Amino acid sequence: QVQFVESGGDLVQSGGSLRLSCTASGFTFSSYAMSWFRQPPGKERELVAGISSLGSRTTYSDSVKGRFTVSRDDARNMVYLQINSLKPEDTARYYCNAGFATAILRPWGQGTQVIVSL
């Protein structure tokens, strides 16, 4: 069955960096685009970044463009999100899912919590 396991979240100071990881299983990972989403406290889940199945295309939300980088390792069934220059407004639970700028598989994973302090 489909499973997403996110990790790497932490409490960091503003301006810091983190690398989030997502291990996927239960589907042919290399055939799917992958995306990262986040859900800030009290808000709806939103798209952060997406990467195509071959890694040749990426997309980012305007709020993270230039600070976040999405990448993938098909040999390990993993997708990564490098987050630099963290801001307090990046505080959220981060999730991955299959799809390019959309989430097409269920269930969602537990996510990984990122908290950015001033």
C-alpha atoms as a PDB file:
ATOM      1  CA  GLN A   1       0.000   0.000   0.000  1.00  0.00           C
ATOM      2  CA  VAL A   2       1.010   3.585  -0.506  1.00  0.00           C
ATOM      3  CA  GLN A   3       3.122   5.057   2.261  1.00  0.00           C
ATOM      4  CA  PHE A   4       4.934   8.356   2.706  1.00  0.00           C
ATOM      5  CA  VAL A   5       7.370   8.862   5.593  1.00  0.00           C
ATOM      6  CA  GLU A   6       8.640  12.393   6.050  1.00  0.00           C
ATOM      7  CA  SER A   7      11.560  13.337   8.298  1.00  0.00           C
ATOM      8  CA  GLY A   8      14.082  16.080   8.992  1.00  0.00           C
ATOM      9  CA  GLY A   9      11.878  18.706  10.598  1.00  0.00           C
ATOM     10  CA  ASP A  10      13.198  20.612  13.583  1.00  0.00           C
ATOM     11  CA  LEU A  11      13.090  23.804  15.603  1.00  0.00           C
ATOM     12  CA  VAL A  12      15.483  26.248  13.966  1.00  0.00           C
ATOM     13  CA  GLN A  13      16.274  29.919  14.174  1.00  0.00           C
ATOM     14  CA  SER A  14      15.277  32.361  11.481  1.00  0.00           C
ATOM     15  CA  GLY A  15      17.868  32.295   8.705  1.00  0.00           C
ATOM     16  CA  GLY A  16      18.766  28.670   9.299  1.00  0.00           C
ATOM     17  CA  SER A  17      18.562  25.676   6.991  1.00  0.00           C
ATOM     18  CA  LEU A  18      17.016  22.230   7.003  1.00  0.00           C
ATOM     19  CA  ARG A  19      16.884  19.268   4.674  1.00  0.00           C
ATOM     20  CA  LEU A  20      13.614  17.378   4.685  1.00  0.00           C
ATOM     21  CA  SER A  21      13.411  13.821   3.404  1.00  0.00           C
ATOM     22  CA  CYS A  22      10.511  11.699   2.231  1.00  0.00           C
ATOM     23  CA  THR A  23      10.633   7.969   1.668  1.00  0.00           C
ATOM     24  CA  ALA A  24       7.836   6.635  -0.513  1.00  0.00           C
ATOM     25  CA  SER A  25       6.661   3.072  -1.044  1.00  0.00           C
ATOM     26  CA  GLY A  26       3.757   1.121  -2.470  1.00  0.00           C
ATOM     27  CA  PHE A  27       3.927   2.509  -6.010  1.00  0.00           C
ATOM     28  CA  THR A  28       6.460   2.791  -8.835  1.00  0.00           C
ATOM     29  CA  PHE A  29       8.264   5.837  -7.515  1.00  0.00           C
ATOM     30  CA  SER A  30      10.319   6.589 -10.610  1.00  0.00           C
ATOM     31  CA  SER A  31       7.171   6.859 -12.739  1.00  0.00           C
ATOM     32  CA  TYR A  32       5.635   9.629 -10.654  1.00  0.00           C
ATOM     33  CA  ALA A  33       6.295  13.286 -10.213  1.00  0.00           C
ATOM     34  CA  MET A  34       6.584  14.212  -6.547  1.00  0.00           C
ATOM     35  CA  SER A  35       5.613  17.299  -4.597  1.00  0.00           C
ATOM     36  CA  TRP A  36       6.040  18.838  -1.191  1.00  0.00           C
ATOM     37  CA  PHE A  37       3.200  20.527   0.654  1.00  0.00           C
ATOM     38  CA  ARG A  38       2.951  22.277   3.993  1.00  0.00           C
ATOM     39  CA  GLN A  39       0.215  23.115   6.452  1.00  0.00           C
ATOM     40  CA  PRO A  40       0.842  26.110   8.697  1.00  0.00           C
ATOM     41  CA  PRO A  41      -0.950  26.187  12.044  1.00  0.00           C
ATOM     42  CA  GLY A  42      -4.639  26.913  11.559  1.00  0.00           C
ATOM     43  CA  LYS A  43      -4.373  27.079   7.776  1.00  0.00           C
ATOM     44  CA  GLU A  44      -5.027  24.859   4.775  1.00  0.00           C
ATOM     45  CA  ARG A  45      -2.385  22.634   3.264  1.00  0.00           C
ATOM     46  CA  GLU A  46      -0.561  24.360   0.398  1.00  0.00           C
ATOM     47  CA  LEU A  47       1.823  23.394  -2.358  1.00  0.00           C
ATOM     48  CA  VAL A  48       5.495  24.172  -1.753  1.00  0.00           C
ATOM     49  CA  ALA A  49       7.398  22.511  -4.593  1.00  0.00           C
ATOM     50  CA  GLY A  50       7.145  19.832  -7.248  1.00  0.00           C
ATOM     51  CA  ILE A  51       9.577  17.792  -9.326  1.00  0.00           C
ATOM     52  CA  SER A  52       8.831  15.810 -12.480  1.00  0.00           C
ATOM     53  CA  SER A  53       9.333  12.066 -12.794  1.00  0.00           C
ATOM     54  CA  LEU A  54      12.750  12.467 -14.449  1.00  0.00           C
ATOM     55  CA  GLY A  55      13.729  15.427 -12.304  1.00  0.00           C
ATOM     56  CA  SER A  56      13.972  17.681 -15.322  1.00  0.00           C
ATOM     57  CA  ARG A  57      11.234  20.066 -14.258  1.00  0.00           C
ATOM     58  CA  THR A  58      10.608  21.733 -10.949  1.00  0.00           C
ATOM     59  CA  THR A  59       8.061  24.220  -9.689  1.00  0.00           C
ATOM     60  CA  TYR A  60       7.915  26.314  -6.539  1.00  0.00           C
ATOM     61  CA  SER A  61       5.381  28.503  -4.831  1.00  0.00           C
ATOM     62  CA  ASP A  62       6.234  32.191  -4.985  1.00  0.00           C
ATOM     63  CA  SER A  63       6.777  32.338  -1.242  1.00  0.00           C
ATOM     64  CA  VAL A  64       9.638  29.832  -1.314  1.00  0.00           C
ATOM     65  CA  LYS A  65      11.185  30.427  -4.728  1.00  0.00           C
ATOM     66  CA  GLY A  66      14.918  30.983  -4.425  1.00  0.00           C
ATOM     67  CA  ARG A  67      15.094  29.523  -0.908  1.00  0.00           C
ATOM     68  CA  PHE A  68      13.797  25.960  -1.329  1.00  0.00           C
ATOM     69  CA  THR A  69      15.185  23.266  -3.630  1.00  0.00           C
ATOM     70  CA  VAL A  70      13.433  19.995  -4.389  1.00  0.00           C
ATOM     71  CA  SER A  71      15.363  16.936  -5.565  1.00  0.00           C
ATOM     72  CA  ARG A  72      14.841  13.198  -5.856  1.00  0.00           C
ATOM     73  CA  ASP A  73      16.762   9.918  -5.695  1.00  0.00           C
ATOM     74  CA  ASP A  74      14.883   7.255  -7.622  1.00  0.00           C
ATOM     75  CA  ALA A  75      17.285   4.512  -6.519  1.00  0.00           C
ATOM     76  CA  ARG A  76      16.200   5.125  -2.917  1.00  0.00           C
ATOM     77  CA  ASN A  77      12.567   6.106  -3.573  1.00  0.00           C
ATOM     78  CA  MET A  78      13.231   9.399  -1.846  1.00  0.00           C
ATOM     79  CA  VAL A  79      12.456  13.045  -2.446  1.00  0.00           C
ATOM     80  CA  TYR A  80      14.178  15.872  -0.621  1.00  0.00           C
ATOM     81  CA  LEU A  81      13.468  19.498   0.189  1.00  0.00           C
ATOM     82  CA  GLN A  82      16.427  21.708   0.987  1.00  0.00           C
ATOM     83  CA  ILE A  83      15.208  24.749   2.872  1.00  0.00           C
ATOM     84  CA  ASN A  84      17.469  27.760   3.264  1.00  0.00           C
ATOM     85  CA  SER A  85      16.998  31.224   4.751  1.00  0.00           C
ATOM     86  CA  LEU A  86      14.141  29.996   6.913  1.00  0.00           C
ATOM     87  CA  LYS A  87      11.530  32.517   8.003  1.00  0.00           C
ATOM     88  CA  PRO A  88       8.986  32.300  10.829  1.00  0.00           C
ATOM     89  CA  GLU A  89       6.251  32.054   8.192  1.00  0.00           C
ATOM     90  CA  ASP A  90       7.788  28.760   7.040  1.00  0.00           C
ATOM     91  CA  THR A  91       6.590  27.207  10.292  1.00  0.00           C
ATOM     92  CA  ALA A  92       4.347  24.320   9.246  1.00  0.00           C
ATOM     93  CA  ARG A  93       4.006  20.577   9.008  1.00  0.00           C
ATOM     94  CA  TYR A  94       5.553  19.433   5.736  1.00  0.00           C
ATOM     95  CA  TYR A  95       4.245  16.536   3.645  1.00  0.00           C
ATOM     96  CA  CYS A  96       5.192  14.835   0.399  1.00  0.00           C
ATOM     97  CA  ASN A  97       2.921  13.171  -2.121  1.00  0.00           C
ATOM     98  CA  ALA A  98       3.002  11.901  -5.684  1.00  0.00           C
ATOM     99  CA  GLY A  99       2.043  14.277  -8.469  1.00  0.00           C
ATOM    100  CA  PHE A 100       3.398  17.436 -10.056  1.00  0.00           C
ATOM    101  CA  ALA A 101       2.027  20.377  -8.084  1.00  0.00           C
ATOM    102  CA  THR A 102      -0.819  18.159  -6.962  1.00  0.00           C
ATOM    103  CA  ALA A 103      -1.368  15.239  -4.596  1.00  0.00           C
ATOM    104  CA  ILE A 104      -2.770  12.159  -6.255  1.00  0.00           C
ATOM    105  CA  LEU A 105      -2.175   9.325  -3.805  1.00  0.00           C
ATOM    106  CA  ARG A 106      -3.632   8.518  -0.407  1.00  0.00           C
ATOM    107  CA  PRO A 107      -3.126   8.266   2.463  1.00  0.00           C
ATOM    108  CA  TRP A 108      -0.963  11.211   3.404  1.00  0.00           C
ATOM    109  CA  GLY A 109       1.993  10.571   5.669  1.00  0.00           C
ATOM    110  CA  GLN A 110       2.367  11.989   9.160  1.00  0.00           C
ATOM    111  CA  GLY A 111       4.448  14.870   7.911  1.00  0.00           C
ATOM    112  CA  THR A 112       7.427  16.465   9.599  1.00  0.00           C
ATOM    113  CA  GLN A 113       7.200  19.584  11.743  1.00  0.00           C
ATOM    114  CA  VAL A 114       9.290  22.656  11.015  1.00  0.00           C
ATOM    115  CA  ILE A 115       9.266  25.460  13.564  1.00  0.00           C
ATOM    116  CA  VAL A 116      11.179  28.638  12.859  1.00  0.00           C
ATOM    117  CA  SER A 117      11.880  30.968  15.762  1.00  0.00           C
ATOM    118  CA  LEU A 118      12.796  34.630  15.538  1.00  0.00           C
END
